[in-house]
Amino acid sequence: MDELERITLEKYNPESGAVYTMLRRMEEKGFVTSEWKKKESRVDRRVYTLTDVGVRVLQEGLEMVKKRSQLMDSLVQFYDTNFTEKEEGT
């Protein structure tokens, strides 16, 4: 949960129940494995690790996100070029 918040610059802070539900589903599909890690001074934690299949699925998903991001960047650039300057000049 902390890592999700950190890598999204604190812009994505999902409910823990939603995250753990998603992790359980990912484990059922073979995308992650989990194990309990004992902590001497704290509560034990369940640690999730991507499997090789999970890594491939993540890579494919991120490639799709990158393509969509490039598309959105192109649309914004088109808008800025064709509409923003005209609106300011009117």
PDB file of N, CA and C in Angstrom:
ATOM      1  N   MET A   1       0.834  -1.190   0.000  1.00  0.00           N
ATOM      2  CA  MET A   1       0.000   0.000   0.000  1.00  0.00           C
ATOM      3  C   MET A   1       0.882   1.258   0.000  1.00  0.00           C
ATOM      4  N   ASP A   2       1.900   1.242   0.848  1.00  0.00           N
ATOM      5  CA  ASP A   2       2.804   2.393   0.908  1.00  0.00           C
ATOM      6  C   ASP A   2       3.529   2.579  -0.414  1.00  0.00           C
ATOM      7  N   GLU A   3       3.928   1.469  -1.027  1.00  0.00           N
ATOM      8  CA  GLU A   3       4.657   1.545  -2.303  1.00  0.00           C
ATOM      9  C   GLU A   3       3.758   2.097  -3.407  1.00  0.00           C
ATOM     10  N   LEU A   4       2.490   1.696  -3.441  1.00  0.00           N
ATOM     11  CA  LEU A   4       1.554   2.241  -4.428  1.00  0.00           C
ATOM     12  C   LEU A   4       1.425   3.745  -4.273  1.00  0.00           C
ATOM     13  N   GLU A   5       1.309   4.181  -3.050  1.00  0.00           N
ATOM     14  CA  GLU A   5       1.176   5.613  -2.795  1.00  0.00           C
ATOM     15  C   GLU A   5       2.448   6.355  -3.221  1.00  0.00           C
ATOM     16  N   ARG A   6       3.604   5.761  -2.914  1.00  0.00           N
ATOM     17  CA  ARG A   6       4.871   6.405  -3.243  1.00  0.00           C
ATOM     18  C   ARG A   6       5.080   6.528  -4.755  1.00  0.00           C
ATOM     19  N   ILE A   7       4.867   5.430  -5.481  1.00  0.00           N
ATOM     20  CA  ILE A   7       5.158   5.476  -6.919  1.00  0.00           C
ATOM     21  C   ILE A   7       4.132   6.273  -7.709  1.00  0.00           C
ATOM     22  N   THR A   8       2.973   6.546  -7.119  1.00  0.00           N
ATOM     23  CA  THR A   8       1.973   7.372  -7.797  1.00  0.00           C
ATOM     24  C   THR A   8       1.995   8.804  -7.277  1.00  0.00           C
ATOM     25  N   LEU A   9       3.074   9.157  -6.571  1.00  0.00           N
ATOM     26  CA  LEU A   9       3.235  10.502  -6.016  1.00  0.00           C
ATOM     27  C   LEU A   9       2.046  10.908  -5.158  1.00  0.00           C
ATOM     28  N   GLU A  10       1.532   9.943  -4.403  1.00  0.00           N
ATOM     29  CA  GLU A  10       0.420  10.116  -3.461  1.00  0.00           C
ATOM     30  C   GLU A  10      -0.891  10.523  -4.142  1.00  0.00           C
ATOM     31  N   LYS A  11      -1.001  10.272  -5.456  1.00  0.00           N
ATOM     32  CA  LYS A  11      -2.232  10.598  -6.177  1.00  0.00           C
ATOM     33  C   LYS A  11      -3.195   9.414  -6.244  1.00  0.00           C
ATOM     34  N   TYR A  12      -2.736   8.235  -5.840  1.00  0.00           N
ATOM     35  CA  TYR A  12      -3.576   7.040  -5.858  1.00  0.00           C
ATOM     36  C   TYR A  12      -3.451   6.362  -4.507  1.00  0.00           C
ATOM     37  N   ASN A  13      -4.518   6.403  -3.753  1.00  0.00           N
ATOM     38  CA  ASN A  13      -4.518   5.815  -2.416  1.00  0.00           C
ATOM     39  C   ASN A  13      -5.755   4.928  -2.286  1.00  0.00           C
ATOM     40  N   PRO A  14      -5.686   3.710  -2.833  1.00  0.00           N
ATOM     41  CA  PRO A  14      -6.862   2.836  -2.849  1.00  0.00           C
ATOM     42  C   PRO A  14      -7.184   2.285  -1.465  1.00  0.00           C
ATOM     43  N   GLU A  15      -8.407   1.860  -1.296  1.00  0.00           N
ATOM     44  CA  GLU A  15      -8.813   1.197  -0.062  1.00  0.00           C
ATOM     45  C   GLU A  15      -8.072  -0.129   0.044  1.00  0.00           C
ATOM     46  N   SER A  16      -7.628  -0.472   1.245  1.00  0.00           N
ATOM     47  CA  SER A  16      -6.856  -1.694   1.411  1.00  0.00           C
ATOM     48  C   SER A  16      -7.650  -2.937   1.019  1.00  0.00           C
ATOM     49  N   GLY A  17      -8.957  -2.947   1.294  1.00  0.00           N
ATOM     50  CA  GLY A  17      -9.788  -4.091   0.917  1.00  0.00           C
ATOM     51  C   GLY A  17      -9.773  -4.344  -0.577  1.00  0.00           C
ATOM     52  N   ALA A  18      -9.787  -3.268  -1.354  1.00  0.00           N
ATOM     53  CA  ALA A  18      -9.762  -3.405  -2.818  1.00  0.00           C
ATOM     54  C   ALA A  18      -8.431  -3.972  -3.287  1.00  0.00           C
ATOM     55  N   VAL A  19      -7.353  -3.512  -2.679  1.00  0.00           N
ATOM     56  CA  VAL A  19      -6.026  -3.987  -3.068  1.00  0.00           C
ATOM     57  C   VAL A  19      -5.874  -5.466  -2.747  1.00  0.00           C
ATOM     58  N   TYR A  20      -6.277  -5.857  -1.537  1.00  0.00           N
ATOM     59  CA  TYR A  20      -6.110  -7.261  -1.152  1.00  0.00           C
ATOM     60  C   TYR A  20      -7.030  -8.180  -1.949  1.00  0.00           C
ATOM     61  N   THR A  21      -8.202  -7.708  -2.318  1.00  0.00           N
ATOM     62  CA  THR A  21      -9.079  -8.488  -3.195  1.00  0.00           C
ATOM     63  C   THR A  21      -8.401  -8.693  -4.549  1.00  0.00           C
ATOM     64  N   MET A  22      -7.805  -7.636  -5.068  1.00  0.00           N
ATOM     65  CA  MET A  22      -7.116  -7.730  -6.351  1.00  0.00           C
ATOM     66  C   MET A  22      -5.918  -8.671  -6.249  1.00  0.00           C
ATOM     67  N   LEU A  23      -5.169  -8.593  -5.161  1.00  0.00           N
ATOM     68  CA  LEU A  23      -4.016  -9.486  -4.985  1.00  0.00           C
ATOM     69  C   LEU A  23      -4.445 -10.950  -4.892  1.00  0.00           C
ATOM     70  N   ARG A  24      -5.539 -11.206  -4.200  1.00  0.00           N
ATOM     71  CA  ARG A  24      -6.038 -12.600  -4.122  1.00  0.00           C
ATOM     72  C   ARG A  24      -6.428 -13.108  -5.505  1.00  0.00           C
ATOM     73  N   ARG A  25      -7.090 -12.269  -6.292  1.00  0.00           N
ATOM     74  CA  ARG A  25      -7.466 -12.679  -7.653  1.00  0.00           C
ATOM     75  C   ARG A  25      -6.237 -12.911  -8.518  1.00  0.00           C
ATOM     76  N   MET A  26      -5.231 -12.051  -8.353  1.00  0.00           N
ATOM     77  CA  MET A  26      -3.996 -12.226  -9.117  1.00  0.00           C
ATOM     78  C   MET A  26      -3.294 -13.516  -8.721  1.00  0.00           C
ATOM     79  N   GLU A  27      -3.376 -13.868  -7.442  1.00  0.00           N
ATOM     80  CA  GLU A  27      -2.759 -15.117  -6.987  1.00  0.00           C
ATOM     81  C   GLU A  27      -3.503 -16.319  -7.564  1.00  0.00           C
ATOM     82  N   GLU A  28      -4.831 -16.243  -7.609  1.00  0.00           N
ATOM     83  CA  GLU A  28      -5.622 -17.342  -8.189  1.00  0.00           C
ATOM     84  C   GLU A  28      -5.279 -17.559  -9.658  1.00  0.00           C
ATOM     85  N   LYS A  29      -4.935 -16.479 -10.361  1.00  0.00           N
ATOM     86  CA  LYS A  29      -4.596 -16.581 -11.781  1.00  0.00           C
ATOM     87  C   LYS A  29      -3.124 -16.926 -12.011  1.00  0.00           C
ATOM     88  N   GLY A  30      -2.346 -16.992 -10.935  1.00  0.00           N
ATOM     89  CA  GLY A  30      -0.944 -17.344 -11.071  1.00  0.00           C
ATOM     90  C   GLY A  30      -0.025 -16.175 -11.374  1.00  0.00           C
ATOM     91  N   PHE A  31      -0.501 -14.953 -11.185  1.00  0.00           N
ATOM     92  CA  PHE A  31       0.314 -13.775 -11.476  1.00  0.00           C
ATOM     93  C   PHE A  31       1.235 -13.414 -10.321  1.00  0.00           C
ATOM     94  N   VAL A  32       0.845 -13.766  -9.091  1.00  0.00           N
ATOM     95  CA  VAL A  32       1.668 -13.512  -7.909  1.00  0.00           C
ATOM     96  C   VAL A  32       1.626 -14.724  -6.995  1.00  0.00           C
ATOM     97  N   THR A  33       2.618 -14.813  -6.132  1.00  0.00           N
ATOM     98  CA  THR A  33       2.597 -15.783  -5.038  1.00  0.00           C
ATOM     99  C   THR A  33       2.661 -14.971  -3.750  1.00  0.00           C
ATOM    100  N   SER A  34       2.280 -15.593  -2.641  1.00  0.00           N
ATOM    101  CA  SER A  34       2.349 -14.875  -1.374  1.00  0.00           C
ATOM    102  C   SER A  34       2.863 -15.797  -0.282  1.00  0.00           C
ATOM    103  N   GLU A  35       3.449 -15.191   0.727  1.00  0.00           N
ATOM    104  CA  GLU A  35       3.894 -15.938   1.895  1.00  0.00           C
ATOM    105  C   GLU A  35       3.899 -14.986   3.092  1.00  0.00           C
ATOM    106  N   TRP A  36       3.724 -15.579   4.260  1.00  0.00           N
ATOM    107  CA  TRP A  36       3.758 -14.798   5.492  1.00  0.00           C
ATOM    108  C   TRP A  36       5.200 -14.617   5.925  1.00  0.00           C
ATOM    109  N   LYS A  37       5.566 -13.391   6.275  1.00  0.00           N
ATOM    110  CA  LYS A  37       6.895 -13.075   6.799  1.00  0.00           C
ATOM    111  C   LYS A  37       6.750 -12.720   8.271  1.00  0.00           C
ATOM    112  N   LYS A  38       7.512 -13.403   9.094  1.00  0.00           N
ATOM    113  CA  LYS A  38       7.499 -13.144  10.540  1.00  0.00           C
ATOM    114  C   LYS A  38       8.294 -11.880  10.843  1.00  0.00           C
ATOM    115  N   LYS A  39       7.737 -11.056  11.705  1.00  0.00           N
ATOM    116  CA  LYS A  39       8.397  -9.842  12.176  1.00  0.00           C
ATOM    117  C   LYS A  39       8.509  -9.925  13.682  1.00  0.00           C
ATOM    118  N   GLU A  40       9.693  -9.716  14.189  1.00  0.00           N
ATOM    119  CA  GLU A  40       9.892  -9.847  15.637  1.00  0.00           C
ATOM    120  C   GLU A  40       9.134  -8.789  16.428  1.00  0.00           C
ATOM    121  N   SER A  41       9.244  -7.551  16.015  1.00  0.00           N
ATOM    122  CA  SER A  41       8.660  -6.478  16.814  1.00  0.00           C
ATOM    123  C   SER A  41       7.339  -5.951  16.258  1.00  0.00           C
ATOM    124  N   ARG A  42       6.892  -6.491  15.133  1.00  0.00           N
ATOM    125  CA  ARG A  42       5.654  -6.006  14.518  1.00  0.00           C
ATOM    126  C   ARG A  42       4.771  -7.181  14.142  1.00  0.00           C
ATOM    127  N   VAL A  43       3.614  -6.835  13.610  1.00  0.00           N
ATOM    128  CA  VAL A  43       2.666  -7.841  13.144  1.00  0.00           C
ATOM    129  C   VAL A  43       3.240  -8.527  11.905  1.00  0.00           C
ATOM    130  N   ASP A  44       3.034  -9.838  11.800  1.00  0.00           N
ATOM    131  CA  ASP A  44       3.468 -10.572  10.609  1.00  0.00           C
ATOM    132  C   ASP A  44       2.833  -9.947   9.370  1.00  0.00           C
ATOM    133  N   ARG A  45       3.539 -10.037   8.239  1.00  0.00           N
ATOM    134  CA  ARG A  45       3.041  -9.455   6.992  1.00  0.00           C
ATOM    135  C   ARG A  45       2.988 -10.510   5.906  1.00  0.00           C
ATOM    136  N   ARG A  46       1.983 -10.365   5.056  1.00  0.00           N
ATOM    137  CA  ARG A  46       1.893 -11.217   3.872  1.00  0.00           C
ATOM    138  C   ARG A  46       2.631 -10.475   2.756  1.00  0.00           C
ATOM    139  N   VAL A  47       3.593 -11.145   2.149  1.00  0.00           N
ATOM    140  CA  VAL A  47       4.410 -10.532   1.104  1.00  0.00           C
ATOM    141  C   VAL A  47       4.063 -11.187  -0.225  1.00  0.00           C
ATOM    142  N   TYR A  48       3.812 -10.346  -1.223  1.00  0.00           N
ATOM    143  CA  TYR A  48       3.439 -10.820  -2.558  1.00  0.00           C
ATOM    144  C   TYR A  48       4.613 -10.642  -3.509  1.00  0.00           C
ATOM    145  N   THR A  49       4.803 -11.641  -4.394  1.00  0.00           N
ATOM    146  CA  THR A  49       5.884 -11.611  -5.367  1.00  0.00           C
ATOM    147  C   THR A  49       5.323 -11.960  -6.740  1.00  0.00           C
ATOM    148  N   LEU A  50       5.720 -11.182  -7.742  1.00  0.00           N
ATOM    149  CA  LEU A  50       5.291 -11.472  -9.112  1.00  0.00           C
ATOM    150  C   LEU A  50       5.905 -12.779  -9.596  1.00  0.00           C
ATOM    151  N   THR A  51       5.096 -13.565 -10.293  1.00  0.00           N
ATOM    152  CA  THR A  51       5.606 -14.766 -10.954  1.00  0.00           C
ATOM    153  C   THR A  51       6.092 -14.362 -12.357  1.00  0.00           C
ATOM    154  N   ASP A  52       6.715 -15.290 -13.065  1.00  0.00           N
ATOM    155  CA  ASP A  52       7.140 -15.004 -14.444  1.00  0.00           C
ATOM    156  C   ASP A  52       5.938 -14.647 -15.314  1.00  0.00           C
ATOM    157  N   VAL A  53       4.843 -15.359 -15.119  1.00  0.00           N
ATOM    158  CA  VAL A  53       3.614 -15.057 -15.873  1.00  0.00           C
ATOM    159  C   VAL A  53       3.129 -13.660 -15.509  1.00  0.00           C
ATOM    160  N   GLY A  54       3.167 -13.326 -14.226  1.00  0.00           N
ATOM    161  CA  GLY A  54       2.744 -12.004 -13.771  1.00  0.00           C
ATOM    162  C   GLY A  54       3.589 -10.892 -14.367  1.00  0.00           C
ATOM    163  N   VAL A  55       4.877 -11.133 -14.486  1.00  0.00           N
ATOM    164  CA  VAL A  55       5.774 -10.137 -15.088  1.00  0.00           C
ATOM    165  C   VAL A  55       5.385  -9.911 -16.544  1.00  0.00           C
ATOM    166  N   ARG A  56       5.123 -10.997 -17.288  1.00  0.00           N
ATOM    167  CA  ARG A  56       4.732 -10.856 -18.702  1.00  0.00           C
ATOM    168  C   ARG A  56       3.411 -10.103 -18.833  1.00  0.00           C
ATOM    169  N   VAL A  57       2.447 -10.423 -17.988  1.00  0.00           N
ATOM    170  CA  VAL A  57       1.146  -9.736 -18.031  1.00  0.00           C
ATOM    171  C   VAL A  57       1.332  -8.259 -17.710  1.00  0.00           C
ATOM    172  N   LEU A  58       2.160  -7.963 -16.720  1.00  0.00           N
ATOM    173  CA  LEU A  58       2.430  -6.569 -16.350  1.00  0.00           C
ATOM    174  C   LEU A  58       3.090  -5.822 -17.500  1.00  0.00           C
ATOM    175  N   GLN A  59       4.080  -6.444 -18.141  1.00  0.00           N
ATOM    176  CA  GLN A  59       4.762  -5.802 -19.269  1.00  0.00           C
ATOM    177  C   GLN A  59       3.787  -5.506 -20.403  1.00  0.00           C
ATOM    178  N   GLU A  60       2.928  -6.481 -20.732  1.00  0.00           N
ATOM    179  CA  GLU A  60       1.953  -6.280 -21.808  1.00  0.00           C
ATOM    180  C   GLU A  60       0.980  -5.161 -21.446  1.00  0.00           C
ATOM    181  N   GLY A  61       0.529  -5.156 -20.211  1.00  0.00           N
ATOM    182  CA  GLY A  61      -0.393  -4.111 -19.771  1.00  0.00           C
ATOM    183  C   GLY A  61       0.245  -2.735 -19.808  1.00  0.00           C
ATOM    184  N   LEU A  62       1.501  -2.651 -19.388  1.00  0.00           N
ATOM    185  CA  LEU A  62       2.183  -1.359 -19.393  1.00  0.00           C
ATOM    186  C   LEU A  62       2.456  -0.872 -20.810  1.00  0.00           C
ATOM    187  N   GLU A  63       2.738  -1.783 -21.720  1.00  0.00           N
ATOM    188  CA  GLU A  63       2.909  -1.372 -23.126  1.00  0.00           C
ATOM    189  C   GLU A  63       1.611  -0.762 -23.653  1.00  0.00           C
ATOM    190  N   MET A  64       0.482  -1.359 -23.309  1.00  0.00           N
ATOM    191  CA  MET A  64      -0.813  -0.822 -23.729  1.00  0.00           C
ATOM    192  C   MET A  64      -1.045   0.566 -23.112  1.00  0.00           C
ATOM    193  N   VAL A  65      -0.700   0.723 -21.842  1.00  0.00           N
ATOM    194  CA  VAL A  65      -0.858   2.017 -21.175  1.00  0.00           C
ATOM    195  C   VAL A  65       0.033   3.066 -21.835  1.00  0.00           C
ATOM    196  N   LYS A  66       1.273   2.690 -22.181  1.00  0.00           N
ATOM    197  CA  LYS A  66       2.178   3.626 -22.842  1.00  0.00           C
ATOM    198  C   LYS A  66       1.609   4.087 -24.191  1.00  0.00           C
ATOM    199  N   LYS A  67       1.030   3.158 -24.948  1.00  0.00           N
ATOM    200  CA  LYS A  67       0.443   3.524 -26.242  1.00  0.00           C
ATOM    201  C   LYS A  67      -0.734   4.466 -26.052  1.00  0.00           C
ATOM    202  N   ARG A  68      -1.570   4.192 -25.053  1.00  0.00           N
ATOM    203  CA  ARG A  68      -2.710   5.073 -24.777  1.00  0.00           C
ATOM    204  C   ARG A  68      -2.231   6.445 -24.317  1.00  0.00           C
ATOM    205  N   SER A  69      -1.173   6.470 -23.527  1.00  0.00           N
ATOM    206  CA  SER A  69      -0.612   7.739 -23.072  1.00  0.00           C
ATOM    207  C   SER A  69      -0.096   8.558 -24.247  1.00  0.00           C
ATOM    208  N   GLN A  70       0.578   7.890 -25.193  1.00  0.00           N
ATOM    209  CA  GLN A  70       1.065   8.578 -26.382  1.00  0.00           C
ATOM    210  C   GLN A  70      -0.102   9.125 -27.202  1.00  0.00           C
ATOM    211  N   LEU A  71      -1.179   8.356 -27.300  1.00  0.00           N
ATOM    212  CA  LEU A  71      -2.365   8.812 -28.012  1.00  0.00           C
ATOM    213  C   LEU A  71      -2.946  10.050 -27.335  1.00  0.00           C
ATOM    214  N   MET A  72      -3.060  10.023 -26.018  1.00  0.00           N
ATOM    215  CA  MET A  72      -3.603  11.168 -25.288  1.00  0.00           C
ATOM    216  C   MET A  72      -2.706  12.386 -25.466  1.00  0.00           C
ATOM    217  N   ASP A  73      -1.381  12.186 -25.411  1.00  0.00           N
ATOM    218  CA  ASP A  73      -0.447  13.297 -25.628  1.00  0.00           C
ATOM    219  C   ASP A  73      -0.641  13.904 -27.014  1.00  0.00           C
ATOM    220  N   SER A  74      -0.844  13.057 -28.025  1.00  0.00           N
ATOM    221  CA  SER A  74      -1.072  13.547 -29.384  1.00  0.00           C
ATOM    222  C   SER A  74      -2.367  14.342 -29.470  1.00  0.00           C
ATOM    223  N   LEU A  75      -3.418  13.863 -28.818  1.00  0.00           N
ATOM    224  CA  LEU A  75      -4.691  14.578 -28.833  1.00  0.00           C
ATOM    225  C   LEU A  75      -4.585  15.929 -28.124  1.00  0.00           C
ATOM    226  N   VAL A  76      -3.876  15.975 -27.019  1.00  0.00           N
ATOM    227  CA  VAL A  76      -3.688  17.239 -26.297  1.00  0.00           C
ATOM    228  C   VAL A  76      -2.880  18.203 -27.149  1.00  0.00           C
ATOM    229  N   GLN A  77      -1.836  17.703 -27.790  1.00  0.00           N
ATOM    230  CA  GLN A  77      -1.027  18.562 -28.657  1.00  0.00           C
ATOM    231  C   GLN A  77      -1.871  19.101 -29.812  1.00  0.00           C
ATOM    232  N   PHE A  78      -2.701  18.256 -30.402  1.00  0.00           N
ATOM    233  CA  PHE A  78      -3.598  18.690 -31.480  1.00  0.00           C
ATOM    234  C   PHE A  78      -4.532  19.785 -30.984  1.00  0.00           C
ATOM    235  N   TYR A  79      -5.113  19.573 -29.815  1.00  0.00           N
ATOM    236  CA  TYR A  79      -6.024  20.569 -29.232  1.00  0.00           C
ATOM    237  C   TYR A  79      -5.287  21.887 -29.007  1.00  0.00           C
ATOM    238  N   ASP A  80      -4.113  21.811 -28.374  1.00  0.00           N
ATOM    239  CA  ASP A  80      -3.355  23.030 -28.083  1.00  0.00           C
ATOM    240  C   ASP A  80      -2.999  23.779 -29.356  1.00  0.00           C
ATOM    241  N   THR A  81      -2.612  23.048 -30.388  1.00  0.00           N
ATOM    242  CA  THR A  81      -2.208  23.666 -31.647  1.00  0.00           C
ATOM    243  C   THR A  81      -3.391  24.278 -32.389  1.00  0.00           C
ATOM    244  N   ASN A  82      -4.525  23.590 -32.389  1.00  0.00           N
ATOM    245  CA  ASN A  82      -5.637  24.012 -33.232  1.00  0.00           C
ATOM    246  C   ASN A  82      -6.716  24.816 -32.545  1.00  0.00           C
ATOM    247  N   PHE A  83      -6.786  24.771 -31.227  1.00  0.00           N
ATOM    248  CA  PHE A  83      -7.883  25.444 -30.554  1.00  0.00           C
ATOM    249  C   PHE A  83      -7.441  26.457 -29.508  1.00  0.00           C
ATOM    250  N   THR A  84      -6.405  26.200 -28.787  1.00  0.00           N
ATOM    251  CA  THR A  84      -6.020  27.092 -27.699  1.00  0.00           C
ATOM    252  C   THR A  84      -5.616  28.456 -28.230  1.00  0.00           C
ATOM    253  N   GLU A  85      -4.781  28.496 -29.247  1.00  0.00           N
ATOM    254  CA  GLU A  85      -4.337  29.777 -29.781  1.00  0.00           C
ATOM    255  C   GLU A  85      -5.495  30.564 -30.383  1.00  0.00           C
ATOM    256  N   LYS A  86      -6.430  29.871 -31.041  1.00  0.00           N
ATOM    257  CA  LYS A  86      -7.580  30.530 -31.652  1.00  0.00           C
ATOM    258  C   LYS A  86      -8.491  31.132 -30.585  1.00  0.00           C
ATOM    259  N   GLU A  87      -8.683  30.413 -29.463  1.00  0.00           N
ATOM    260  CA  GLU A  87      -9.538  30.910 -28.395  1.00  0.00           C
ATOM    261  C   GLU A  87      -8.926  32.148 -27.768  1.00  0.00           C
ATOM    262  N   GLU A  88      -7.605  32.171 -27.577  1.00  0.00           N
ATOM    263  CA  GLU A  88      -6.944  33.303 -26.967  1.00  0.00           C
ATOM    264  C   GLU A  88      -6.982  34.522 -27.883  1.00  0.00           C
ATOM    265  N   GLY A  89      -6.967  34.315 -29.184  1.00  0.00           N
ATOM    266  CA  GLY A  89      -6.971  35.404 -30.138  1.00  0.00           C
ATOM    267  C   GLY A  89      -8.361  35.980 -30.394  1.00  0.00           C
ATOM    268  N   THR A  90      -9.411  35.296 -29.994  1.00  0.00           N
ATOM    269  CA  THR A  90     -10.761  35.772 -30.268  1.00  0.00           C
ATOM    270  C   THR A  90     -11.261  36.709 -29.248  1.00  0.00           C
TER     271      THR A  90
END
